[in-house]
Amino acid sequence: MFKTQSLHNSWEKFPVWLKSFWIFIAGGISALGQAPFDIPVLTLLGLAFGIWAIQERVTFKPFIGGWVLGFGYFSGSLYWIIEPFLVDVAATGWMAPFALVSLSGGLAILWGLAFKAVRGCHGLMLCFSLTAAEFARAYLLTGFPWVLIGYVWIDTPVYQLAAWIGPHGMTFLTLLCAWGLGRRGSGSIASRLVAISVVFFIPFLPSIKGPSGPSDAPIIRLINPNVAQKDKWHLDKMDEVFDYQIMLTQAEPQVDLVVWPEASVYMPLDKARHEISEAAGDASALVGVQRISEELRFYNSAVVIDSKGDISGTYDKNRLVPFGEFIPLSYLAAKWGLQDFAGLTGFGFSAGSGATTIEIAGLGQVQPLICYEAIFPQYVGRTLERPALLILISNDAWFGSFQGPAQHFAQARARTIELGLPLVRVANRGVTAIIDAKGGIDAVLWPTERGSIDAAIPIAIPPTFYAKYRDLPLSLLFLIVFSTIFLGWVRRKFLTIS
């Protein structure tokens, strides 16, 4: 698509800064496949141009080209990261551009290394290398698998393939399509036709819905107070917000479970639980709290309050947000005697013991998730007993009202498709919804809406191939490919020496 002699000749004449500019723009365009834009064709075109342009290198190295492409992609897909710093503009607004540049530039290093590993050439190997880079960022330094390339298909039927190959397999397929569009050499026309047909026929495919629950399925009430972050902990408004949630909880008709968002209980739990229980009637309530343990550790938690007002289950968030809920390596500050620093951060929240399920009367085993945890495909569903339902509570007010909440919601839908499990998502100032086991939306309150919704809980489907084997098949494929390359390099080296 991009390979013509005139384009090649013109590209060679461009100065380095202009080449870098266009590669950066290509990366930014490729970000438009992610929510809330959901235009995967732009991701393919942007990546195709970027891959072609870097392979046509004349004056800069593959690492630089890959880094610039990644910097454009992450800058375009993660600009919501400035939103938390704008809650109090006077105090932290100046940090916003530095946060975006440092996060985007840091993640782009992995893309640069992916291009460097294959010297910018060998398109098929570049697909393997870039997928490995995306896989690595899901795990390195606590992991940040936000806006994985494969997520551009979440709003299309194509993402149903993730039930077999998972999010990293979808990333690999996306890169294969992009490479096919920008491919050079023999067979390029055929590969482009295949890629183009995939892209332009997708909008005409029917949407896919998962199975609904039976007529007597449990009814769940989702509470969304939609409170701005600057007002969430305002002393003059906390009682009003709590009373509003109580009013929604006690509304008729009676339901089987009421769910409040993350950190939605402002007063001590021992004082609030009886009032919540009384409002919920015969239903249990799952609410978000910030609690202090007997060892004086702080936890971001979800607790289940039964109809008698007793705590029947507690889950402590395990995957904490770096610099948001804890300061990485802050324990070293105390060890070095920097008590003021350690005291200022308070070491943040403590992590819970890991993925687990909680028994809720009438619903069975559910896996609670809190906010950021839902973005980790390696964490969700990794419980000893397979849950019947995933319940995610979040406070998306930190993410603004556009890009951040949309992407967070999309990734929650991805988990349902990958695992074949329904998910209940309750978010303050985010998307509050019930999602079926195929990623379909059964009921929803959008970020601009406030109130509650009652809906039946969809049923789970049998465990998917990905739920059973996770990334093992893809990892084995990559191990075989890279081992073959390494052995070939050793053989050539040995023969050369001989």
Protein backbone atom coordinates (compact mmCIF):
# COMPACT_ATOMS: atom_id res chain seq x y z
CA MET A 1 0.00 0.00 0.00
CA PHE A 2 2.82 2.40 0.84
CA LYS A 3 5.53 0.90 -1.34
CA THR A 4 5.99 2.91 -4.53
CA GLN A 5 9.25 4.05 -6.05
CA SER A 6 8.24 7.71 -5.95
CA LEU A 7 7.28 7.49 -2.28
CA HIS A 8 10.52 5.70 -1.53
CA ASN A 9 12.56 8.36 -3.31
CA SER A 10 10.68 11.19 -1.60
CA TRP A 11 11.12 9.57 1.81
CA GLU A 12 14.87 9.29 1.29
CA LYS A 13 15.08 13.05 0.73
CA PHE A 14 13.27 13.97 3.95
CA PRO A 15 15.46 15.33 6.78
CA VAL A 16 15.66 13.28 9.95
CA TRP A 17 13.40 15.58 11.95
CA LEU A 18 10.67 15.37 9.31
CA LYS A 19 10.88 11.58 9.16
CA SER A 20 10.64 11.43 12.93
CA PHE A 21 7.66 13.78 12.86
CA TRP A 22 5.72 11.60 10.42
CA ILE A 23 6.53 8.42 12.30
CA PHE A 24 5.32 10.10 15.51
CA ILE A 25 2.10 11.13 13.75
CA ALA A 26 1.66 7.55 12.49
CA GLY A 27 1.93 6.34 16.08
CA GLY A 28 -0.66 8.88 17.18
CA ILE A 29 -3.01 7.83 14.39
CA SER A 30 -2.64 4.18 15.40
CA ALA A 31 -3.86 5.13 18.90
CA LEU A 32 -7.27 6.03 17.45
CA GLY A 33 -8.15 2.35 17.32
CA GLN A 34 -8.45 2.37 21.10
CA ALA A 35 -11.55 3.50 22.98
CA PRO A 36 -13.31 5.88 22.86
CA PHE A 37 -12.64 6.25 19.10
CA ASP A 38 -12.64 2.51 18.26
CA ILE A 39 -11.37 2.83 14.66
CA PRO A 40 -9.09 -0.20 14.22
CA VAL A 41 -8.46 0.60 10.56
CA LEU A 42 -6.48 3.67 11.68
CA THR A 43 -4.37 1.49 13.96
CA LEU A 44 -3.51 -0.77 11.04
CA LEU A 45 -2.74 2.14 8.72
CA GLY A 46 -0.66 3.97 11.32
CA LEU A 47 1.37 0.90 12.27
CA ALA A 48 1.73 -0.12 8.62
CA PHE A 49 3.19 3.26 7.71
CA GLY A 50 5.41 3.30 10.79
CA ILE A 51 6.79 -0.17 10.08
CA TRP A 52 7.37 0.70 6.41
CA ALA A 53 9.02 4.02 7.24
CA ILE A 54 11.41 2.51 9.78
CA GLN A 55 12.34 -0.31 7.39
CA GLU A 56 13.13 2.38 4.79
CA ARG A 57 15.66 3.85 7.21
CA VAL A 58 18.54 5.80 5.80
CA THR A 59 19.59 8.28 8.45
CA PHE A 60 18.38 6.93 11.81
CA LYS A 61 18.64 3.64 13.66
CA PRO A 62 15.77 1.18 14.19
CA PHE A 63 15.70 1.83 17.94
CA ILE A 64 15.06 5.54 17.38
CA GLY A 65 12.36 4.85 14.80
CA GLY A 66 10.64 2.28 17.03
CA TRP A 67 10.84 4.60 20.03
CA VAL A 68 9.32 7.52 18.09
CA LEU A 69 6.49 5.31 16.79
CA GLY A 70 5.79 4.03 20.30
CA PHE A 71 6.00 7.54 21.75
CA GLY A 72 3.33 8.68 19.31
CA TYR A 73 1.12 5.67 20.09
CA PHE A 74 1.33 6.02 23.86
CA SER A 75 1.03 9.81 23.81
CA GLY A 76 -2.18 9.48 21.79
CA SER A 77 -3.69 6.64 23.79
CA LEU A 78 -2.66 7.68 27.32
CA TYR A 79 -3.25 11.42 27.40
CA TRP A 80 -5.90 10.80 30.08
CA ILE A 81 -2.96 10.37 32.49
CA ILE A 82 -2.93 14.16 32.91
CA GLU A 83 -6.44 14.12 34.46
CA PRO A 84 -5.43 13.22 38.06
CA PHE A 85 -3.05 16.18 38.09
CA LEU A 86 -5.84 18.54 37.05
CA VAL A 87 -8.07 17.76 40.04
CA ASP A 88 -6.12 20.39 41.95
CA VAL A 89 -4.64 22.44 39.10
CA ALA A 90 -2.98 25.00 41.33
CA ALA A 91 -1.02 22.40 43.27
CA THR A 92 -0.29 19.63 40.75
CA GLY A 93 -1.27 20.93 37.31
CA TRP A 94 2.34 21.66 36.40
CA MET A 95 3.15 17.94 36.67
CA ALA A 96 0.65 16.87 33.98
CA PRO A 97 2.82 17.25 30.85
CA PHE A 98 5.79 15.66 32.60
CA ALA A 99 3.64 12.67 33.57
CA LEU A 100 2.46 12.15 29.99
CA VAL A 101 5.91 12.54 28.45
CA SER A 102 7.68 10.34 30.99
CA LEU A 103 5.08 7.55 30.86
CA SER A 104 4.81 7.56 27.05
CA GLY A 105 8.55 7.84 26.57
CA GLY A 106 9.28 5.12 29.08
CA LEU A 107 6.84 2.63 27.54
CA ALA A 108 8.11 3.48 24.06
CA ILE A 109 11.56 2.17 25.03
CA LEU A 110 10.16 -1.36 24.75
CA TRP A 111 9.03 -0.64 21.18
CA GLY A 112 12.46 0.76 20.37
CA LEU A 113 14.10 -2.40 21.70
CA ALA A 114 11.67 -4.52 19.65
CA PHE A 115 12.74 -2.78 16.43
CA LYS A 116 16.40 -2.92 17.42
CA ALA A 117 16.17 -6.67 18.12
CA VAL A 118 15.30 -7.36 14.47
CA ARG A 119 17.26 -4.39 13.12
CA GLY A 120 14.04 -2.81 11.91
CA CYS A 121 13.67 -5.36 9.12
CA HIS A 122 12.22 -8.85 8.71
CA GLY A 123 8.56 -7.81 9.00
CA LEU A 124 7.28 -11.15 10.29
CA MET A 125 9.95 -11.22 12.98
CA LEU A 126 9.07 -7.63 13.87
CA CYS A 127 5.51 -8.80 14.60
CA PHE A 128 6.91 -11.37 17.01
CA SER A 129 9.29 -8.84 18.55
CA LEU A 130 6.66 -6.11 19.08
CA THR A 131 4.23 -8.63 20.56
CA ALA A 132 6.97 -9.71 22.96
CA ALA A 133 7.46 -6.04 23.91
CA GLU A 134 3.74 -5.64 24.64
CA PHE A 135 3.80 -8.87 26.64
CA ALA A 136 6.77 -7.59 28.63
CA ARG A 137 5.07 -4.36 29.65
CA ALA A 138 2.22 -6.42 31.13
CA TYR A 139 4.70 -7.78 33.67
CA LEU A 140 7.77 -5.55 34.05
CA LEU A 141 7.93 -3.16 37.04
CA THR A 142 4.53 -4.38 38.38
CA GLY A 143 3.14 -4.27 34.82
CA PHE A 144 1.03 -1.79 32.85
CA PRO A 145 -1.00 -3.68 30.20
CA TRP A 146 -3.21 -0.69 29.42
CA VAL A 147 -4.13 -0.15 25.72
CA LEU A 148 -2.45 -3.32 24.45
CA ILE A 149 -2.48 -3.16 20.65
CA GLY A 150 -4.95 -6.03 20.38
CA TYR A 151 -7.60 -4.09 22.32
CA VAL A 152 -8.50 -2.07 19.22
CA TRP A 153 -10.90 -4.91 18.30
CA ILE A 154 -12.87 -4.97 21.58
CA ASP A 155 -15.84 -3.12 20.10
CA THR A 156 -16.00 -5.54 17.14
CA PRO A 157 -16.86 -9.25 16.84
CA VAL A 158 -13.21 -9.89 15.98
CA TYR A 159 -12.25 -9.76 19.67
CA GLN A 160 -14.20 -12.98 20.24
CA LEU A 161 -11.01 -14.67 19.01
CA ALA A 162 -9.49 -13.64 22.35
CA ALA A 163 -11.42 -16.51 23.93
CA TRP A 164 -8.84 -18.69 22.17
CA ILE A 165 -5.69 -16.63 21.93
CA GLY A 166 -6.05 -13.94 24.61
CA PRO A 167 -5.10 -10.25 24.39
CA HIS A 168 -1.49 -10.91 23.40
CA GLY A 169 -2.57 -13.21 20.61
CA MET A 170 -4.87 -10.42 19.39
CA THR A 171 -1.91 -8.05 19.45
CA PHE A 172 0.07 -10.47 17.29
CA LEU A 173 -2.78 -10.78 14.77
CA THR A 174 -3.14 -6.98 14.61
CA LEU A 175 0.55 -6.56 13.89
CA LEU A 176 0.36 -9.24 11.20
CA CYS A 177 -2.45 -7.29 9.50
CA ALA A 178 -0.48 -4.03 9.75
CA TRP A 179 2.61 -5.72 8.33
CA GLY A 180 0.49 -7.12 5.51
CA LEU A 181 -0.68 -3.62 4.59
CA GLY A 182 2.80 -2.15 4.48
CA ARG A 183 4.67 -5.26 3.37
CA ARG A 184 7.43 -5.05 0.78
CA GLY A 185 8.53 -7.63 -1.75
CA SER A 186 6.90 -10.73 -3.22
CA GLY A 187 3.43 -11.63 -2.02
CA SER A 188 2.76 -8.09 -0.82
CA ILE A 189 -0.35 -7.62 -2.96
CA ALA A 190 -2.00 -10.77 -1.62
CA SER A 191 -1.20 -9.89 1.99
CA ARG A 192 -2.57 -6.38 1.50
CA LEU A 193 -5.80 -7.69 0.03
CA VAL A 194 -6.27 -10.01 3.00
CA ALA A 195 -5.59 -7.21 5.48
CA ILE A 196 -7.89 -4.78 3.67
CA SER A 197 -10.73 -7.31 3.48
CA VAL A 198 -10.41 -7.94 7.23
CA VAL A 199 -10.60 -4.24 8.02
CA PHE A 200 -13.45 -3.15 5.77
CA PHE A 201 -15.79 -6.09 6.27
CA ILE A 202 -15.66 -5.94 10.07
CA PRO A 203 -18.29 -3.15 10.44
CA PHE A 204 -20.86 -5.35 8.69
CA LEU A 205 -20.44 -8.31 11.02
CA PRO A 206 -23.29 -8.83 13.51
CA SER A 207 -22.66 -8.03 17.17
CA ILE A 208 -22.35 -10.97 19.53
CA LYS A 209 -24.24 -11.35 22.80
CA GLY A 210 -23.68 -13.85 25.55
CA PRO A 211 -26.41 -15.90 27.24
CA SER A 212 -28.75 -14.12 29.62
CA GLY A 213 -29.69 -15.48 33.01
CA PRO A 214 -32.84 -17.57 33.59
CA SER A 215 -36.12 -15.92 34.53
CA ASP A 216 -35.35 -16.42 38.22
CA ALA A 217 -31.78 -15.09 37.96
CA PRO A 218 -30.58 -12.93 40.89
CA ILE A 219 -31.23 -9.21 40.49
CA ILE A 220 -28.40 -6.84 41.29
CA ARG A 221 -28.57 -3.08 41.91
CA LEU A 222 -25.64 -0.94 40.83
CA ILE A 223 -25.17 2.41 42.58
CA ASN A 224 -23.39 5.28 40.81
CA PRO A 225 -23.35 8.59 42.75
CA ASN A 226 -21.22 10.26 40.01
CA VAL A 227 -19.21 12.50 42.33
CA ALA A 228 -16.43 14.73 40.98
CA GLN A 229 -13.05 13.83 42.46
CA LYS A 230 -12.58 17.30 43.95
CA ASP A 231 -15.87 16.80 45.85
CA LYS A 232 -15.41 13.15 46.84
CA TRP A 233 -13.64 13.85 50.13
CA HIS A 234 -15.08 17.34 50.69
CA LEU A 235 -16.21 17.46 54.35
CA ASP A 236 -19.34 19.46 53.51
CA LYS A 237 -20.48 16.98 50.84
CA MET A 238 -19.62 13.52 52.16
CA ASP A 239 -22.81 13.11 54.20
CA GLU A 240 -24.91 14.19 51.22
CA VAL A 241 -23.24 11.62 48.95
CA PHE A 242 -23.60 8.85 51.55
CA ASP A 243 -27.29 9.66 52.08
CA TYR A 244 -27.86 9.61 48.32
CA GLN A 245 -26.36 6.12 48.07
CA ILE A 246 -28.51 4.96 51.01
CA MET A 247 -31.62 6.35 49.28
CA LEU A 248 -30.84 4.45 46.08
CA THR A 249 -30.10 1.29 48.06
CA GLN A 250 -33.45 1.21 49.85
CA ALA A 251 -35.54 1.97 46.78
CA GLU A 252 -38.13 -0.58 45.67
CA PRO A 253 -38.24 -3.28 44.41
CA GLN A 254 -36.19 -5.59 46.60
CA VAL A 255 -33.06 -7.00 44.91
CA ASP A 256 -30.59 -9.77 45.77
CA LEU A 257 -27.37 -7.72 45.90
CA VAL A 258 -26.50 -4.03 46.04
CA VAL A 259 -23.06 -2.84 44.89
CA TRP A 260 -21.48 0.51 45.73
CA PRO A 261 -18.34 1.89 43.99
CA GLU A 262 -14.74 1.88 45.21
CA ALA A 263 -14.08 3.84 48.44
CA SER A 264 -17.75 4.85 48.66
CA VAL A 265 -18.12 4.49 52.45
CA TYR A 266 -16.84 7.68 54.07
CA MET A 267 -17.46 6.92 57.74
CA PRO A 268 -16.01 4.10 59.90
CA LEU A 269 -17.34 0.78 58.66
CA ASP A 270 -18.61 -0.30 62.10
CA LYS A 271 -20.85 2.75 62.07
CA ALA A 272 -21.92 2.51 58.42
CA ARG A 273 -22.57 -1.21 58.01
CA HIS A 274 -25.80 -1.29 60.02
CA GLU A 275 -27.24 1.66 58.15
CA ILE A 276 -26.30 0.10 54.81
CA SER A 277 -27.73 -3.27 55.84
CA GLU A 278 -31.00 -1.70 56.98
CA ALA A 279 -31.32 0.13 53.67
CA ALA A 280 -30.58 -3.04 51.68
CA GLY A 281 -33.26 -5.06 53.48
CA ASP A 282 -32.92 -8.76 52.76
CA ALA A 283 -30.15 -8.17 50.22
CA SER A 284 -26.42 -8.31 50.79
CA ALA A 285 -24.34 -5.25 49.92
CA LEU A 286 -20.83 -5.13 48.48
CA VAL A 287 -19.24 -1.75 49.18
CA GLY A 288 -15.85 -0.14 48.70
CA VAL A 289 -14.04 0.99 51.84
CA GLN A 290 -10.62 2.13 52.96
CA ARG A 291 -9.89 0.18 56.09
CA ILE A 292 -7.17 -0.05 58.72
CA SER A 293 -6.15 -3.48 59.98
CA GLU A 294 -5.23 -4.36 63.56
CA GLU A 295 -1.59 -4.09 62.49
CA LEU A 296 -2.32 -0.47 61.43
CA ARG A 297 -1.99 -1.26 57.74
CA PHE A 298 -4.14 0.60 55.23
CA TYR A 299 -6.11 -1.37 52.64
CA ASN A 300 -8.30 -0.44 49.70
CA SER A 301 -11.01 -3.05 50.19
CA ALA A 302 -14.36 -4.44 49.16
CA VAL A 303 -16.52 -5.84 51.94
CA VAL A 304 -19.75 -7.81 51.82
CA ILE A 305 -22.37 -6.81 54.40
CA ASP A 306 -25.10 -9.39 54.91
CA SER A 307 -28.74 -8.75 55.77
CA LYS A 308 -27.92 -8.77 59.50
CA GLY A 309 -25.28 -6.08 59.18
CA ASP A 310 -22.38 -8.49 59.65
CA ILE A 311 -19.26 -8.54 57.46
CA SER A 312 -19.47 -11.84 55.59
CA GLY A 313 -16.50 -11.31 53.27
CA THR A 314 -13.54 -8.99 52.78
CA TYR A 315 -11.24 -8.55 49.80
CA ASP A 316 -8.15 -6.34 49.90
CA LYS A 317 -6.87 -4.91 46.63
CA ASN A 318 -3.73 -6.74 45.49
CA ARG A 319 -2.59 -4.88 42.36
CA LEU A 320 -1.89 -1.36 43.60
CA VAL A 321 -1.30 1.71 41.43
CA PRO A 322 2.36 2.83 41.58
CA PHE A 323 2.67 6.42 42.86
CA GLY A 324 -1.12 6.51 43.31
CA GLU A 325 -1.60 3.93 46.06
CA PHE A 326 2.00 3.21 47.01
CA ILE A 327 5.45 4.62 46.41
CA PRO A 328 7.74 2.01 44.82
CA LEU A 329 10.78 1.24 46.97
CA SER A 330 9.55 3.62 49.70
CA TYR A 331 10.69 1.11 52.31
CA LEU A 332 14.26 1.98 51.31
CA ALA A 333 13.60 5.58 52.33
CA ALA A 334 12.89 4.47 55.89
CA LYS A 335 15.92 2.16 55.86
CA TRP A 336 18.11 5.10 54.83
CA GLY A 337 16.69 7.24 57.60
CA LEU A 338 14.43 9.42 55.44
CA GLN A 339 11.56 9.17 57.91
CA ASP A 340 9.92 12.38 56.70
CA PHE A 341 9.64 10.96 53.20
CA ALA A 342 8.40 7.61 54.43
CA GLY A 343 5.99 9.27 56.82
CA LEU A 344 4.72 11.58 54.09
CA THR A 345 3.87 8.68 51.83
CA GLY A 346 2.84 6.46 54.72
CA PHE A 347 4.11 3.67 52.51
CA GLY A 348 0.69 3.97 50.86
CA PHE A 349 -1.77 1.10 50.91
CA SER A 350 -0.74 -2.47 51.62
CA ALA A 351 -1.41 -5.15 49.02
CA GLY A 352 -3.88 -7.94 49.74
CA SER A 353 -3.05 -11.62 49.53
CA GLY A 354 -4.08 -12.09 45.89
CA ALA A 355 -6.93 -13.20 43.66
CA THR A 356 -9.69 -14.90 45.59
CA THR A 357 -13.42 -15.55 45.60
CA ILE A 358 -16.08 -14.57 48.11
CA GLU A 359 -19.30 -16.46 48.75
CA ILE A 360 -22.37 -14.23 48.45
CA ALA A 361 -25.73 -15.65 49.46
CA GLY A 362 -27.87 -16.40 46.41
CA LEU A 363 -25.06 -15.69 43.93
CA GLY A 364 -22.38 -18.24 44.77
CA GLN A 365 -18.68 -17.57 44.37
CA VAL A 366 -17.70 -14.17 42.95
CA GLN A 367 -14.27 -12.64 42.35
CA PRO A 368 -14.08 -9.04 43.56
CA LEU A 369 -11.82 -6.66 41.63
CA ILE A 370 -10.97 -3.10 42.51
CA CYS A 371 -10.31 -0.51 39.78
CA TYR A 372 -6.88 -0.99 38.21
CA GLU A 373 -6.88 -4.77 38.77
CA ALA A 374 -9.22 -5.37 35.85
CA ILE A 375 -6.56 -4.38 33.32
CA PHE A 376 -4.40 -7.41 34.20
CA PRO A 377 -5.39 -10.46 32.11
CA GLN A 378 -2.91 -12.53 34.13
CA TYR A 379 -4.77 -11.69 37.36
CA VAL A 380 -8.49 -11.75 36.61
CA GLY A 381 -9.97 -15.23 36.97
CA ARG A 382 -6.83 -16.64 38.58
CA THR A 383 -8.63 -18.03 41.61
CA LEU A 384 -8.57 -21.54 43.08
CA GLU A 385 -12.27 -21.92 42.35
CA ARG A 386 -13.75 -20.57 39.13
CA PRO A 387 -16.17 -17.78 40.03
CA ALA A 388 -19.67 -17.53 38.64
CA LEU A 389 -19.33 -13.76 38.39
CA LEU A 390 -16.72 -10.98 38.39
CA ILE A 391 -17.58 -7.84 40.38
CA LEU A 392 -15.48 -4.76 39.66
CA ILE A 393 -15.78 -1.61 41.75
CA SER A 394 -13.94 1.51 40.66
CA ASN A 395 -13.63 5.26 41.03
CA ASP A 396 -13.09 6.57 37.50
CA ALA A 397 -13.41 10.20 38.54
CA TRP A 398 -9.60 10.26 38.52
CA PHE A 399 -9.60 9.49 34.76
CA GLY A 400 -11.66 12.44 33.56
CA SER A 401 -14.84 11.93 31.57
CA PHE A 402 -13.68 10.84 28.11
CA GLN A 403 -10.71 8.69 27.19
CA GLY A 404 -9.74 7.13 30.51
CA PRO A 405 -13.16 5.79 31.58
CA ALA A 406 -13.86 4.49 28.05
CA GLN A 407 -10.60 2.53 27.93
CA HIS A 408 -11.05 1.21 31.46
CA PHE A 409 -14.52 -0.05 30.55
CA ALA A 410 -13.32 -1.60 27.29
CA GLN A 411 -10.66 -3.60 29.10
CA ALA A 412 -13.27 -4.92 31.55
CA ARG A 413 -15.26 -6.16 28.55
CA ALA A 414 -12.12 -7.84 27.26
CA ARG A 415 -11.83 -9.91 30.45
CA THR A 416 -15.37 -11.28 30.01
CA ILE A 417 -14.68 -12.42 26.44
CA GLU A 418 -11.35 -13.98 27.33
CA LEU A 419 -12.70 -15.95 30.28
CA GLY A 420 -16.37 -16.56 29.42
CA LEU A 421 -17.49 -14.90 32.66
CA PRO A 422 -20.08 -12.14 33.19
CA LEU A 423 -18.90 -9.00 34.97
CA VAL A 424 -20.69 -6.42 37.08
CA ARG A 425 -18.94 -3.05 36.92
CA VAL A 426 -19.82 -0.26 39.34
CA ALA A 427 -17.89 2.97 38.93
CA ASN A 428 -18.19 6.42 40.39
CA ARG A 429 -18.16 8.83 37.41
CA GLY A 430 -17.34 5.99 35.04
CA VAL A 431 -19.25 3.38 33.08
CA THR A 432 -21.50 1.36 35.40
CA ALA A 433 -22.75 -1.74 33.61
CA ILE A 434 -23.56 -5.42 33.55
CA ILE A 435 -21.52 -7.23 30.91
CA ASP A 436 -22.33 -10.73 29.72
CA ALA A 437 -19.88 -13.57 29.05
CA LYS A 438 -19.35 -12.46 25.43
CA GLY A 439 -18.68 -8.81 26.22
CA GLY A 440 -22.24 -7.68 25.48
CA ILE A 441 -23.69 -4.83 27.54
CA ASP A 442 -26.92 -5.83 29.27
CA ALA A 443 -27.53 -2.61 31.24
CA VAL A 444 -25.50 0.58 31.56
CA LEU A 445 -25.12 4.02 33.13
CA TRP A 446 -22.69 6.16 31.12
CA PRO A 447 -20.18 8.56 32.80
CA THR A 448 -22.51 11.53 32.45
CA GLU A 449 -25.37 9.68 34.20
CA ARG A 450 -26.17 9.33 37.89
CA GLY A 451 -28.38 6.94 39.79
CA SER A 452 -28.87 3.18 39.88
CA ILE A 453 -29.81 0.31 37.61
CA ASP A 454 -31.38 -3.05 38.45
CA ALA A 455 -30.66 -5.98 36.18
CA ALA A 456 -30.50 -9.77 36.17
CA ILE A 457 -27.08 -11.37 36.34
CA PRO A 458 -26.08 -13.16 33.10
CA ILE A 459 -24.79 -16.72 33.33
CA ALA A 460 -21.22 -17.83 32.77
CA ILE A 461 -20.33 -20.07 29.84
CA PRO A 462 -17.90 -23.02 30.06
CA PRO A 463 -14.25 -22.01 30.52
CA THR A 464 -12.72 -20.76 27.27
CA PHE A 465 -9.53 -22.16 25.77
CA TYR A 466 -7.72 -19.05 26.99
CA ALA A 467 -9.19 -19.44 30.49
CA LYS A 468 -7.74 -22.94 30.65
CA TYR A 469 -4.32 -22.39 29.11
CA ARG A 470 -3.80 -18.61 29.29
CA ASP A 471 -0.67 -17.48 27.41
CA LEU A 472 1.05 -20.87 27.47
CA PRO A 473 0.46 -21.75 23.77
CA LEU A 474 1.60 -18.29 22.60
CA SER A 475 4.61 -18.41 24.92
CA LEU A 476 5.61 -21.80 23.54
CA LEU A 477 5.31 -20.49 19.98
CA PHE A 478 7.51 -17.53 20.81
CA LEU A 479 10.01 -19.77 22.59
CA ILE A 480 10.28 -21.99 19.51
CA VAL A 481 10.68 -19.02 17.16
CA PHE A 482 13.30 -17.20 19.20
CA SER A 483 15.16 -20.44 20.01
CA THR A 484 15.32 -21.22 16.29
CA ILE A 485 16.69 -17.75 15.58
CA PHE A 486 19.27 -18.06 18.34
CA LEU A 487 20.41 -21.50 17.23
CA GLY A 488 20.68 -20.21 13.66
CA TRP A 489 22.83 -17.33 14.84
CA VAL A 490 25.07 -19.68 16.86
CA ARG A 491 25.39 -22.03 13.87
CA ARG A 492 26.38 -19.18 11.54
CA LYS A 493 28.81 -17.85 14.10
CA PHE A 494 30.35 -21.28 14.64
CA LEU A 495 30.66 -21.92 10.89
CA THR A 496 32.22 -18.50 10.37
CA ILE A 497 34.80 -19.14 13.09
CA SER A 498 35.54 -22.59 11.72
